[in-house]
Amino acid sequence: MALIDISPRIDCASPVYPGDVPLCVRTLSETPAVVTAFEMTPHLGAHVDAPAHMGRETDVSELPLETFVGECLVIDCTGQTTVTADCVPDGVPPRVLFKTGFVMGDVWTSSYPTVSEEAIEKLSHFGVKLIGIDSPSIDPEDETLKSHHCAIDAGMVILENLRLKDVEAGSYRLIALPLAIAGLEASPVRAILER
């Protein structure tokens, strides 16, 4: 069984969306055991956006686990600034990840690939329940978040900030479980693909 880790490593220097809280780790005690505490936005690194992110009722602790485990298709859209409906083939499985080749550098950038509403509507037509991308958001950095609303309204959860640069397009089994923290609109995940 070959497992491919598609979660970027995060540390205290990892860039965050403007206004979000970066990772901060502090040591609470060193004896009789080391105990730390951390603070960060749940949107840092590979993460899932729950409907609560768009003001709906369902938080990450209420999401069905089967959504995050199972057949998945990685679609190569390298070079696209926007994933369009033309990028979506007919008959996709319930989980689709878009590989754009984006990799976040050491400093936040507002220039990253996104997903169009038309692409999300086409995915919805095929019954997709999970959409993912290797950029920090399926929407551009603005206040409207149209693609987020479109996906959530279609019953999809959103995986963002995946590490897909070295992943070949094709079929995989996805495992990307969120933490069951009540009240959170998003959760970090350790996302892996099994071929």
N, C-alpha and C. Protein backbone atom coordinates (compact mmCIF):
# COMPACT_ATOMS: atom_id res chain seq x y z
N MET A 1 0.85 -1.18 0.00
CA MET A 1 0.00 0.00 0.00
C MET A 1 0.90 1.24 0.00
N ALA A 2 0.76 2.08 -1.03
CA ALA A 2 1.56 3.31 -1.12
C ALA A 2 0.71 4.49 -0.66
N LEU A 3 1.18 5.17 0.38
CA LEU A 3 0.49 6.34 0.90
C LEU A 3 1.23 7.60 0.47
N ILE A 4 0.49 8.57 -0.03
CA ILE A 4 1.07 9.85 -0.46
C ILE A 4 0.52 10.95 0.44
N ASP A 5 1.40 11.59 1.17
CA ASP A 5 0.99 12.67 2.06
C ASP A 5 0.78 13.93 1.23
N ILE A 6 -0.43 14.47 1.24
CA ILE A 6 -0.72 15.68 0.47
C ILE A 6 -1.03 16.87 1.39
N SER A 7 -0.50 16.79 2.61
CA SER A 7 -0.65 17.89 3.57
C SER A 7 0.68 18.64 3.67
N PRO A 8 0.68 19.94 3.46
CA PRO A 8 1.93 20.68 3.64
C PRO A 8 2.32 20.73 5.11
N ARG A 9 3.61 20.72 5.38
CA ARG A 9 4.10 20.88 6.74
C ARG A 9 3.88 22.34 7.15
N ILE A 10 3.38 22.54 8.35
CA ILE A 10 3.18 23.91 8.84
C ILE A 10 4.07 24.17 10.05
N ASP A 11 4.48 25.41 10.19
CA ASP A 11 5.25 25.83 11.36
C ASP A 11 4.86 27.26 11.69
N CYS A 12 5.53 27.84 12.66
CA CYS A 12 5.15 29.17 13.13
C CYS A 12 5.40 30.26 12.09
N ALA A 13 6.17 29.95 11.04
CA ALA A 13 6.42 30.92 9.98
C ALA A 13 5.50 30.75 8.78
N SER A 14 4.63 29.73 8.80
CA SER A 14 3.74 29.48 7.66
C SER A 14 2.81 30.67 7.45
N PRO A 15 2.73 31.17 6.20
CA PRO A 15 1.88 32.34 5.94
C PRO A 15 0.40 32.01 6.07
N VAL A 16 -0.37 32.98 6.56
CA VAL A 16 -1.81 32.80 6.73
C VAL A 16 -2.56 33.87 5.95
N TYR A 17 -3.83 33.59 5.69
CA TYR A 17 -4.72 34.55 5.04
C TYR A 17 -4.69 35.85 5.85
N PRO A 18 -4.66 37.00 5.20
CA PRO A 18 -4.58 38.27 5.94
C PRO A 18 -5.64 38.38 7.04
N GLY A 19 -5.18 38.62 8.25
CA GLY A 19 -6.07 38.75 9.41
C GLY A 19 -6.23 37.47 10.21
N ASP A 20 -5.83 36.32 9.63
CA ASP A 20 -5.93 35.05 10.36
C ASP A 20 -4.78 34.92 11.37
N VAL A 21 -4.94 33.98 12.29
CA VAL A 21 -3.96 33.77 13.36
C VAL A 21 -2.94 32.72 12.92
N PRO A 22 -1.64 33.07 12.89
CA PRO A 22 -0.62 32.08 12.53
C PRO A 22 -0.43 31.07 13.66
N LEU A 23 0.30 30.01 13.36
CA LEU A 23 0.60 29.01 14.38
C LEU A 23 1.54 29.59 15.43
N CYS A 24 1.18 29.38 16.69
CA CYS A 24 2.03 29.76 17.82
C CYS A 24 2.03 28.58 18.79
N VAL A 25 3.21 28.03 19.07
CA VAL A 25 3.34 26.90 19.98
C VAL A 25 4.11 27.37 21.21
N ARG A 26 3.59 27.04 22.40
CA ARG A 26 4.31 27.41 23.62
C ARG A 26 4.35 26.22 24.56
N THR A 27 5.39 26.16 25.34
CA THR A 27 5.58 25.06 26.29
C THR A 27 4.94 25.44 27.62
N LEU A 28 4.06 24.56 28.11
CA LEU A 28 3.39 24.78 29.39
C LEU A 28 4.18 24.17 30.53
N SER A 29 4.77 23.02 30.30
CA SER A 29 5.60 22.38 31.33
C SER A 29 6.59 21.44 30.65
N GLU A 30 7.66 21.14 31.39
CA GLU A 30 8.67 20.21 30.87
C GLU A 30 8.83 18.99 31.77
N THR A 31 8.29 19.05 32.99
CA THR A 31 8.35 17.90 33.89
C THR A 31 7.00 17.72 34.56
N PRO A 32 6.54 16.54 34.81
CA PRO A 32 7.22 15.27 34.54
C PRO A 32 7.19 14.88 33.06
N ALA A 33 6.46 15.66 32.24
CA ALA A 33 6.42 15.42 30.80
C ALA A 33 6.30 16.76 30.10
N VAL A 34 6.72 16.79 28.86
CA VAL A 34 6.59 18.01 28.08
C VAL A 34 5.13 18.16 27.66
N VAL A 35 4.55 19.32 27.93
CA VAL A 35 3.18 19.63 27.54
C VAL A 35 3.20 20.99 26.86
N THR A 36 2.64 21.05 25.66
CA THR A 36 2.59 22.31 24.91
C THR A 36 1.14 22.72 24.69
N ALA A 37 0.97 23.95 24.27
CA ALA A 37 -0.33 24.46 23.82
C ALA A 37 -0.07 25.18 22.51
N PHE A 38 -1.11 25.23 21.66
CA PHE A 38 -0.93 25.95 20.41
C PHE A 38 -2.19 26.75 20.07
N GLU A 39 -1.97 27.78 19.28
CA GLU A 39 -3.06 28.62 18.78
C GLU A 39 -2.83 28.81 17.30
N MET A 40 -3.89 28.73 16.50
CA MET A 40 -3.79 29.00 15.07
C MET A 40 -5.19 29.03 14.46
N THR A 41 -5.29 29.64 13.29
CA THR A 41 -6.53 29.56 12.53
C THR A 41 -6.74 28.13 12.07
N PRO A 42 -7.97 27.63 12.05
CA PRO A 42 -8.20 26.28 11.54
C PRO A 42 -8.07 26.20 10.02
N HIS A 43 -7.80 27.35 9.37
CA HIS A 43 -7.64 27.39 7.92
C HIS A 43 -6.17 27.33 7.50
N LEU A 44 -5.27 27.04 8.42
CA LEU A 44 -3.85 26.95 8.12
C LEU A 44 -3.51 25.53 7.67
N GLY A 45 -2.67 25.42 6.65
CA GLY A 45 -2.30 24.11 6.12
C GLY A 45 -3.48 23.45 5.43
N ALA A 46 -3.37 22.14 5.19
CA ALA A 46 -4.48 21.41 4.59
C ALA A 46 -5.65 21.43 5.56
N HIS A 47 -6.80 21.85 5.07
CA HIS A 47 -7.96 21.99 5.97
C HIS A 47 -9.26 21.80 5.22
N VAL A 48 -10.30 21.52 5.97
CA VAL A 48 -11.65 21.39 5.41
C VAL A 48 -12.49 22.57 5.89
N ASP A 49 -13.27 23.12 4.96
CA ASP A 49 -14.27 24.14 5.29
C ASP A 49 -15.63 23.45 5.43
N ALA A 50 -16.25 23.61 6.58
CA ALA A 50 -17.59 23.07 6.82
C ALA A 50 -18.64 24.10 6.42
N PRO A 51 -19.91 23.71 6.32
CA PRO A 51 -20.96 24.68 6.01
C PRO A 51 -20.99 25.87 6.97
N ALA A 52 -20.58 25.67 8.22
CA ALA A 52 -20.56 26.78 9.19
C ALA A 52 -19.66 27.93 8.73
N HIS A 53 -18.70 27.64 7.86
CA HIS A 53 -17.82 28.69 7.34
C HIS A 53 -18.61 29.73 6.55
N MET A 54 -19.71 29.31 5.97
CA MET A 54 -20.57 30.22 5.22
C MET A 54 -21.84 30.55 5.99
N GLY A 55 -21.78 30.44 7.31
CA GLY A 55 -22.90 30.83 8.15
C GLY A 55 -24.00 29.81 8.27
N ARG A 56 -23.78 28.58 7.77
CA ARG A 56 -24.79 27.52 7.90
C ARG A 56 -24.62 26.84 9.26
N GLU A 57 -25.48 25.89 9.58
CA GLU A 57 -25.51 25.30 10.92
C GLU A 57 -24.43 24.24 11.17
N THR A 58 -24.01 23.48 10.18
CA THR A 58 -23.15 22.32 10.39
C THR A 58 -21.69 22.72 10.59
N ASP A 59 -21.13 22.35 11.78
CA ASP A 59 -19.71 22.62 12.03
C ASP A 59 -18.90 21.36 11.72
N VAL A 60 -17.58 21.42 11.88
CA VAL A 60 -16.73 20.29 11.48
C VAL A 60 -17.00 19.03 12.29
N SER A 61 -17.45 19.17 13.53
CA SER A 61 -17.70 17.98 14.35
C SER A 61 -18.92 17.20 13.88
N GLU A 62 -19.75 17.82 13.05
CA GLU A 62 -20.99 17.19 12.59
C GLU A 62 -20.90 16.63 11.17
N LEU A 63 -19.75 16.76 10.54
CA LEU A 63 -19.60 16.29 9.16
C LEU A 63 -19.51 14.77 9.12
N PRO A 64 -20.18 14.11 8.17
CA PRO A 64 -20.11 12.65 8.09
C PRO A 64 -18.73 12.19 7.63
N LEU A 65 -18.12 11.27 8.37
CA LEU A 65 -16.76 10.83 8.08
C LEU A 65 -16.61 10.19 6.70
N GLU A 66 -17.67 9.54 6.22
CA GLU A 66 -17.57 8.87 4.91
C GLU A 66 -17.31 9.85 3.77
N THR A 67 -17.61 11.12 3.98
CA THR A 67 -17.31 12.13 2.97
C THR A 67 -15.82 12.23 2.71
N PHE A 68 -15.01 11.95 3.73
CA PHE A 68 -13.57 12.19 3.68
C PHE A 68 -12.73 10.95 3.41
N VAL A 69 -13.40 9.83 3.18
CA VAL A 69 -12.69 8.58 2.92
C VAL A 69 -13.32 7.89 1.72
N GLY A 70 -12.50 7.59 0.69
CA GLY A 70 -13.03 6.85 -0.44
C GLY A 70 -12.47 7.29 -1.77
N GLU A 71 -13.11 6.81 -2.81
CA GLU A 71 -12.66 7.03 -4.19
C GLU A 71 -12.52 8.52 -4.49
N CYS A 72 -11.42 8.85 -5.14
CA CYS A 72 -11.10 10.25 -5.41
C CYS A 72 -10.40 10.35 -6.76
N LEU A 73 -10.66 11.43 -7.46
CA LEU A 73 -10.00 11.70 -8.75
C LEU A 73 -9.18 12.97 -8.63
N VAL A 74 -7.89 12.89 -8.96
CA VAL A 74 -7.03 14.07 -9.06
C VAL A 74 -7.01 14.50 -10.51
N ILE A 75 -7.42 15.75 -10.75
CA ILE A 75 -7.47 16.31 -12.10
C ILE A 75 -6.35 17.34 -12.24
N ASP A 76 -5.53 17.17 -13.27
CA ASP A 76 -4.40 18.07 -13.49
C ASP A 76 -4.85 19.30 -14.27
N CYS A 77 -4.81 20.45 -13.60
CA CYS A 77 -5.16 21.73 -14.22
C CYS A 77 -3.96 22.68 -14.12
N THR A 78 -2.76 22.11 -14.16
CA THR A 78 -1.55 22.90 -13.99
C THR A 78 -1.52 24.05 -14.99
N GLY A 79 -1.23 25.24 -14.47
CA GLY A 79 -1.16 26.42 -15.31
C GLY A 79 -2.45 27.22 -15.39
N GLN A 80 -3.55 26.65 -14.93
CA GLN A 80 -4.83 27.36 -14.96
C GLN A 80 -4.89 28.36 -13.80
N THR A 81 -5.32 29.56 -14.07
CA THR A 81 -5.53 30.51 -12.97
C THR A 81 -6.92 30.32 -12.37
N THR A 82 -7.84 29.79 -13.18
CA THR A 82 -9.18 29.46 -12.70
C THR A 82 -9.57 28.10 -13.24
N VAL A 83 -9.97 27.20 -12.36
CA VAL A 83 -10.48 25.89 -12.77
C VAL A 83 -11.89 26.11 -13.30
N THR A 84 -12.11 25.80 -14.57
CA THR A 84 -13.40 26.02 -15.21
C THR A 84 -14.14 24.70 -15.39
N ALA A 85 -15.38 24.79 -15.84
CA ALA A 85 -16.18 23.58 -16.09
C ALA A 85 -15.53 22.70 -17.15
N ASP A 86 -14.77 23.29 -18.08
CA ASP A 86 -14.09 22.51 -19.11
C ASP A 86 -13.05 21.56 -18.53
N CYS A 87 -12.56 21.85 -17.32
CA CYS A 87 -11.55 21.00 -16.66
C CYS A 87 -12.18 19.75 -16.05
N VAL A 88 -13.50 19.73 -15.92
CA VAL A 88 -14.20 18.63 -15.24
C VAL A 88 -14.71 17.62 -16.26
N PRO A 89 -14.15 16.40 -16.25
CA PRO A 89 -14.65 15.38 -17.17
C PRO A 89 -16.01 14.86 -16.73
N ASP A 90 -16.68 14.17 -17.62
CA ASP A 90 -17.97 13.57 -17.28
C ASP A 90 -17.75 12.36 -16.37
N GLY A 91 -18.70 12.12 -15.48
CA GLY A 91 -18.70 10.92 -14.65
C GLY A 91 -17.63 10.86 -13.60
N VAL A 92 -17.41 11.95 -12.89
CA VAL A 92 -16.39 11.97 -11.83
C VAL A 92 -16.91 11.28 -10.56
N PRO A 93 -15.99 10.77 -9.70
CA PRO A 93 -16.41 10.15 -8.43
C PRO A 93 -16.84 11.20 -7.41
N PRO A 94 -17.24 10.78 -6.22
CA PRO A 94 -17.76 11.72 -5.22
C PRO A 94 -16.74 12.70 -4.65
N ARG A 95 -15.45 12.45 -4.88
CA ARG A 95 -14.38 13.33 -4.36
C ARG A 95 -13.46 13.71 -5.50
N VAL A 96 -13.25 15.01 -5.67
CA VAL A 96 -12.42 15.51 -6.77
C VAL A 96 -11.42 16.53 -6.23
N LEU A 97 -10.15 16.34 -6.58
CA LEU A 97 -9.09 17.27 -6.20
C LEU A 97 -8.49 17.88 -7.46
N PHE A 98 -8.29 19.20 -7.44
CA PHE A 98 -7.70 19.90 -8.57
C PHE A 98 -6.24 20.23 -8.28
N LYS A 99 -5.37 19.70 -9.13
CA LYS A 99 -3.94 19.98 -9.05
C LYS A 99 -3.64 21.14 -10.00
N THR A 100 -3.22 22.27 -9.45
CA THR A 100 -2.91 23.44 -10.28
C THR A 100 -1.41 23.71 -10.33
N GLY A 101 -0.64 23.03 -9.50
CA GLY A 101 0.78 23.27 -9.43
C GLY A 101 1.17 24.38 -8.48
N PHE A 102 0.18 24.97 -7.81
CA PHE A 102 0.46 26.07 -6.88
C PHE A 102 1.14 25.55 -5.63
N VAL A 103 2.15 26.28 -5.18
CA VAL A 103 2.80 26.01 -3.90
C VAL A 103 2.99 27.36 -3.20
N MET A 104 2.45 27.48 -1.99
CA MET A 104 2.59 28.72 -1.23
C MET A 104 4.05 28.88 -0.81
N GLY A 105 4.58 30.07 -1.01
CA GLY A 105 5.95 30.36 -0.60
C GLY A 105 6.02 30.73 0.88
N ASP A 106 7.06 31.45 1.24
CA ASP A 106 7.28 31.84 2.63
C ASP A 106 6.45 33.05 3.04
N VAL A 107 5.87 33.75 2.06
CA VAL A 107 5.09 34.95 2.30
C VAL A 107 3.73 34.79 1.62
N TRP A 108 2.67 35.24 2.30
CA TRP A 108 1.32 35.15 1.72
C TRP A 108 1.27 35.86 0.38
N THR A 109 0.59 35.24 -0.58
CA THR A 109 0.33 35.87 -1.86
C THR A 109 -1.16 35.78 -2.17
N SER A 110 -1.69 36.85 -2.75
CA SER A 110 -3.10 36.87 -3.14
C SER A 110 -3.30 36.31 -4.55
N SER A 111 -2.21 35.94 -5.19
CA SER A 111 -2.26 35.42 -6.55
C SER A 111 -2.17 33.89 -6.51
N TYR A 112 -3.32 33.24 -6.57
CA TYR A 112 -3.37 31.77 -6.52
C TYR A 112 -4.56 31.29 -7.35
N PRO A 113 -4.53 30.05 -7.83
CA PRO A 113 -5.64 29.52 -8.64
C PRO A 113 -6.91 29.33 -7.82
N THR A 114 -8.05 29.48 -8.47
CA THR A 114 -9.35 29.35 -7.83
C THR A 114 -10.24 28.41 -8.67
N VAL A 115 -11.46 28.20 -8.21
CA VAL A 115 -12.41 27.34 -8.91
C VAL A 115 -13.66 28.15 -9.25
N SER A 116 -14.11 28.07 -10.49
CA SER A 116 -15.28 28.83 -10.92
C SER A 116 -16.57 28.21 -10.41
N GLU A 117 -17.60 29.04 -10.31
CA GLU A 117 -18.92 28.54 -9.92
C GLU A 117 -19.44 27.51 -10.93
N GLU A 118 -19.12 27.73 -12.21
CA GLU A 118 -19.57 26.81 -13.26
C GLU A 118 -18.96 25.42 -13.07
N ALA A 119 -17.69 25.38 -12.67
CA ALA A 119 -17.05 24.09 -12.41
C ALA A 119 -17.72 23.39 -11.24
N ILE A 120 -18.04 24.15 -10.20
CA ILE A 120 -18.70 23.57 -9.03
C ILE A 120 -20.10 23.06 -9.39
N GLU A 121 -20.82 23.81 -10.21
CA GLU A 121 -22.15 23.37 -10.63
C GLU A 121 -22.07 22.07 -11.43
N LYS A 122 -21.04 21.93 -12.27
CA LYS A 122 -20.86 20.69 -13.03
C LYS A 122 -20.53 19.54 -12.09
N LEU A 123 -19.67 19.78 -11.11
CA LEU A 123 -19.35 18.74 -10.12
C LEU A 123 -20.60 18.33 -9.36
N SER A 124 -21.42 19.29 -9.01
CA SER A 124 -22.67 19.01 -8.30
C SER A 124 -23.59 18.14 -9.13
N HIS A 125 -23.61 18.38 -10.43
CA HIS A 125 -24.44 17.59 -11.35
C HIS A 125 -24.07 16.10 -11.28
N PHE A 126 -22.79 15.82 -11.04
CA PHE A 126 -22.32 14.43 -10.95
C PHE A 126 -22.34 13.90 -9.52
N GLY A 127 -22.88 14.65 -8.58
CA GLY A 127 -23.03 14.18 -7.21
C GLY A 127 -21.78 14.26 -6.36
N VAL A 128 -20.86 15.14 -6.73
CA VAL A 128 -19.63 15.29 -5.96
C VAL A 128 -19.95 15.85 -4.57
N LYS A 129 -19.33 15.27 -3.53
CA LYS A 129 -19.56 15.69 -2.15
C LYS A 129 -18.36 16.38 -1.54
N LEU A 130 -17.17 16.25 -2.19
CA LEU A 130 -15.96 16.87 -1.69
C LEU A 130 -15.15 17.41 -2.85
N ILE A 131 -14.77 18.68 -2.75
CA ILE A 131 -13.94 19.31 -3.75
C ILE A 131 -12.67 19.82 -3.06
N GLY A 132 -11.53 19.61 -3.71
CA GLY A 132 -10.27 20.04 -3.11
C GLY A 132 -9.37 20.73 -4.11
N ILE A 133 -8.43 21.51 -3.59
CA ILE A 133 -7.50 22.25 -4.44
C ILE A 133 -6.18 22.46 -3.68
N ASP A 134 -5.12 22.68 -4.45
CA ASP A 134 -3.81 22.88 -3.83
C ASP A 134 -3.47 24.35 -3.59
N SER A 135 -4.45 25.20 -3.65
CA SER A 135 -4.26 26.62 -3.31
C SER A 135 -4.97 26.89 -1.98
N PRO A 136 -4.75 28.08 -1.38
CA PRO A 136 -5.34 28.33 -0.06
C PRO A 136 -6.85 28.53 -0.06
N SER A 137 -7.45 28.71 -1.23
CA SER A 137 -8.90 28.95 -1.28
C SER A 137 -9.43 28.66 -2.67
N ILE A 138 -10.68 28.20 -2.75
CA ILE A 138 -11.31 28.04 -4.06
C ILE A 138 -11.79 29.38 -4.61
N ASP A 139 -11.76 30.42 -3.77
CA ASP A 139 -12.17 31.77 -4.17
C ASP A 139 -10.98 32.71 -4.17
N PRO A 140 -11.05 33.76 -5.00
CA PRO A 140 -10.02 34.80 -4.88
C PRO A 140 -10.16 35.53 -3.55
N GLU A 141 -9.13 36.25 -3.20
CA GLU A 141 -9.13 36.98 -1.93
C GLU A 141 -10.05 38.19 -2.04
N ASP A 142 -11.34 37.97 -1.78
CA ASP A 142 -12.31 39.07 -1.79
C ASP A 142 -13.40 38.78 -0.77
N GLU A 143 -14.41 39.58 -0.74
CA GLU A 143 -15.43 39.45 0.30
C GLU A 143 -16.65 38.65 -0.14
N THR A 144 -16.73 38.25 -1.42
CA THR A 144 -17.96 37.61 -1.89
C THR A 144 -17.98 36.11 -1.69
N LEU A 145 -16.84 35.43 -1.86
CA LEU A 145 -16.73 33.98 -1.67
C LEU A 145 -17.83 33.21 -2.42
N LYS A 146 -18.03 33.59 -3.67
CA LYS A 146 -19.12 33.00 -4.46
C LYS A 146 -18.97 31.49 -4.64
N SER A 147 -17.75 31.03 -4.90
CA SER A 147 -17.56 29.59 -5.11
C SER A 147 -17.75 28.80 -3.81
N HIS A 148 -17.36 29.39 -2.68
CA HIS A 148 -17.63 28.75 -1.39
C HIS A 148 -19.14 28.57 -1.20
N HIS A 149 -19.89 29.63 -1.42
CA HIS A 149 -21.35 29.55 -1.26
C HIS A 149 -21.94 28.52 -2.21
N CYS A 150 -21.47 28.52 -3.44
CA CYS A 150 -21.98 27.58 -4.45
C CYS A 150 -21.73 26.14 -4.02
N ALA A 151 -20.52 25.85 -3.55
CA ALA A 151 -20.17 24.49 -3.14
C ALA A 151 -20.96 24.07 -1.89
N ILE A 152 -21.00 24.93 -0.89
CA ILE A 152 -21.72 24.60 0.35
C ILE A 152 -23.21 24.42 0.06
N ASP A 153 -23.78 25.29 -0.76
CA ASP A 153 -25.20 25.16 -1.11
C ASP A 153 -25.49 23.88 -1.88
N ALA A 154 -24.47 23.35 -2.58
CA ALA A 154 -24.63 22.10 -3.33
C ALA A 154 -24.35 20.87 -2.47
N GLY A 155 -24.08 21.07 -1.18
CA GLY A 155 -23.85 19.95 -0.28
C GLY A 155 -22.42 19.44 -0.27
N MET A 156 -21.48 20.24 -0.76
CA MET A 156 -20.08 19.83 -0.79
C MET A 156 -19.33 20.40 0.40
N VAL A 157 -18.29 19.66 0.82
CA VAL A 157 -17.30 20.22 1.72
C VAL A 157 -16.07 20.58 0.87
N ILE A 158 -15.24 21.45 1.41
CA ILE A 158 -14.14 22.01 0.63
C ILE A 158 -12.82 21.71 1.33
N LEU A 159 -11.90 21.07 0.61
CA LEU A 159 -10.54 20.83 1.10
C LEU A 159 -9.63 21.84 0.40
N GLU A 160 -8.85 22.57 1.16
CA GLU A 160 -7.98 23.58 0.58
C GLU A 160 -6.54 23.43 1.07
N ASN A 161 -5.65 24.05 0.31
CA ASN A 161 -4.22 24.12 0.66
C ASN A 161 -3.56 22.74 0.68
N LEU A 162 -3.94 21.89 -0.26
CA LEU A 162 -3.33 20.57 -0.38
C LEU A 162 -1.97 20.68 -1.07
N ARG A 163 -1.17 19.65 -0.96
CA ARG A 163 0.14 19.60 -1.61
C ARG A 163 0.06 18.54 -2.71
N LEU A 164 -0.18 19.00 -3.95
CA LEU A 164 -0.42 18.08 -5.06
C LEU A 164 0.62 18.19 -6.17
N LYS A 165 1.63 19.04 -5.99
CA LYS A 165 2.58 19.32 -7.06
C LYS A 165 3.20 18.07 -7.66
N ASP A 166 3.54 17.09 -6.83
CA ASP A 166 4.20 15.88 -7.32
C ASP A 166 3.26 14.69 -7.45
N VAL A 167 1.95 14.93 -7.37
CA VAL A 167 0.97 13.86 -7.49
C VAL A 167 0.50 13.75 -8.94
N GLU A 168 0.54 12.54 -9.46
CA GLU A 168 0.06 12.33 -10.83
C GLU A 168 -1.47 12.37 -10.86
N ALA A 169 -2.00 12.86 -11.97
CA ALA A 169 -3.45 12.83 -12.16
C ALA A 169 -3.92 11.37 -12.18
N GLY A 170 -5.14 11.14 -11.73
CA GLY A 170 -5.68 9.79 -11.77
C GLY A 170 -6.53 9.46 -10.55
N SER A 171 -6.85 8.18 -10.42
CA SER A 171 -7.74 7.70 -9.37
C SER A 171 -6.96 7.26 -8.14
N TYR A 172 -7.49 7.61 -6.98
CA TYR A 172 -6.88 7.30 -5.69
C TYR A 172 -7.98 7.01 -4.68
N ARG A 173 -7.55 6.61 -3.49
CA ARG A 173 -8.43 6.58 -2.32
C ARG A 173 -7.96 7.71 -1.42
N LEU A 174 -8.87 8.59 -1.05
CA LEU A 174 -8.57 9.74 -0.20
C LEU A 174 -8.91 9.43 1.25
N ILE A 175 -8.04 9.87 2.16
CA ILE A 175 -8.34 9.87 3.59
C ILE A 175 -7.92 11.25 4.10
N ALA A 176 -8.88 12.04 4.59
CA ALA A 176 -8.60 13.41 5.04
C ALA A 176 -9.58 13.79 6.14
N LEU A 177 -9.39 13.22 7.32
CA LEU A 177 -10.38 13.37 8.39
C LEU A 177 -10.19 14.66 9.19
N PRO A 178 -11.29 15.41 9.38
CA PRO A 178 -11.23 16.61 10.22
C PRO A 178 -11.29 16.23 11.70
N LEU A 179 -10.83 17.13 12.55
CA LEU A 179 -10.96 16.94 13.99
C LEU A 179 -12.41 17.23 14.41
N ALA A 180 -12.89 16.52 15.39
CA ALA A 180 -14.27 16.68 15.85
C ALA A 180 -14.34 17.74 16.94
N ILE A 181 -14.08 18.99 16.57
CA ILE A 181 -14.11 20.09 17.54
C ILE A 181 -15.40 20.88 17.34
N ALA A 182 -16.28 20.81 18.31
CA ALA A 182 -17.58 21.47 18.22
C ALA A 182 -17.40 22.97 18.10
N GLY A 183 -18.19 23.57 17.21
CA GLY A 183 -18.20 25.02 17.06
C GLY A 183 -17.25 25.57 16.04
N LEU A 184 -16.34 24.74 15.49
CA LEU A 184 -15.40 25.24 14.49
C LEU A 184 -15.98 25.16 13.08
N GLU A 185 -15.70 26.19 12.29
CA GLU A 185 -16.16 26.25 10.90
C GLU A 185 -15.20 25.58 9.94
N ALA A 186 -14.01 25.23 10.43
CA ALA A 186 -12.99 24.56 9.62
C ALA A 186 -12.13 23.72 10.54
N SER A 187 -11.35 22.81 9.93
CA SER A 187 -10.45 21.97 10.72
C SER A 187 -9.24 21.59 9.89
N PRO A 188 -8.07 21.60 10.52
CA PRO A 188 -6.91 21.02 9.84
C PRO A 188 -7.16 19.53 9.60
N VAL A 189 -6.57 19.00 8.53
CA VAL A 189 -6.63 17.57 8.24
C VAL A 189 -5.23 17.07 7.89
N ARG A 190 -4.98 15.81 8.11
CA ARG A 190 -3.79 15.16 7.56
C ARG A 190 -4.30 14.38 6.37
N ALA A 191 -4.18 14.96 5.19
CA ALA A 191 -4.74 14.39 3.98
C ALA A 191 -3.73 13.46 3.32
N ILE A 192 -4.18 12.26 3.00
CA ILE A 192 -3.33 11.32 2.28
C ILE A 192 -4.10 10.69 1.13
N LEU A 193 -3.35 10.28 0.12
CA LEU A 193 -3.90 9.54 -1.00
C LEU A 193 -3.30 8.14 -0.99
N GLU A 194 -4.14 7.15 -1.29
CA GLU A 194 -3.68 5.76 -1.40
C GLU A 194 -3.90 5.33 -2.83
N ARG A 195 -2.86 4.78 -3.45
CA ARG A 195 -2.99 4.35 -4.84
C ARG A 195 -3.16 2.85 -4.89
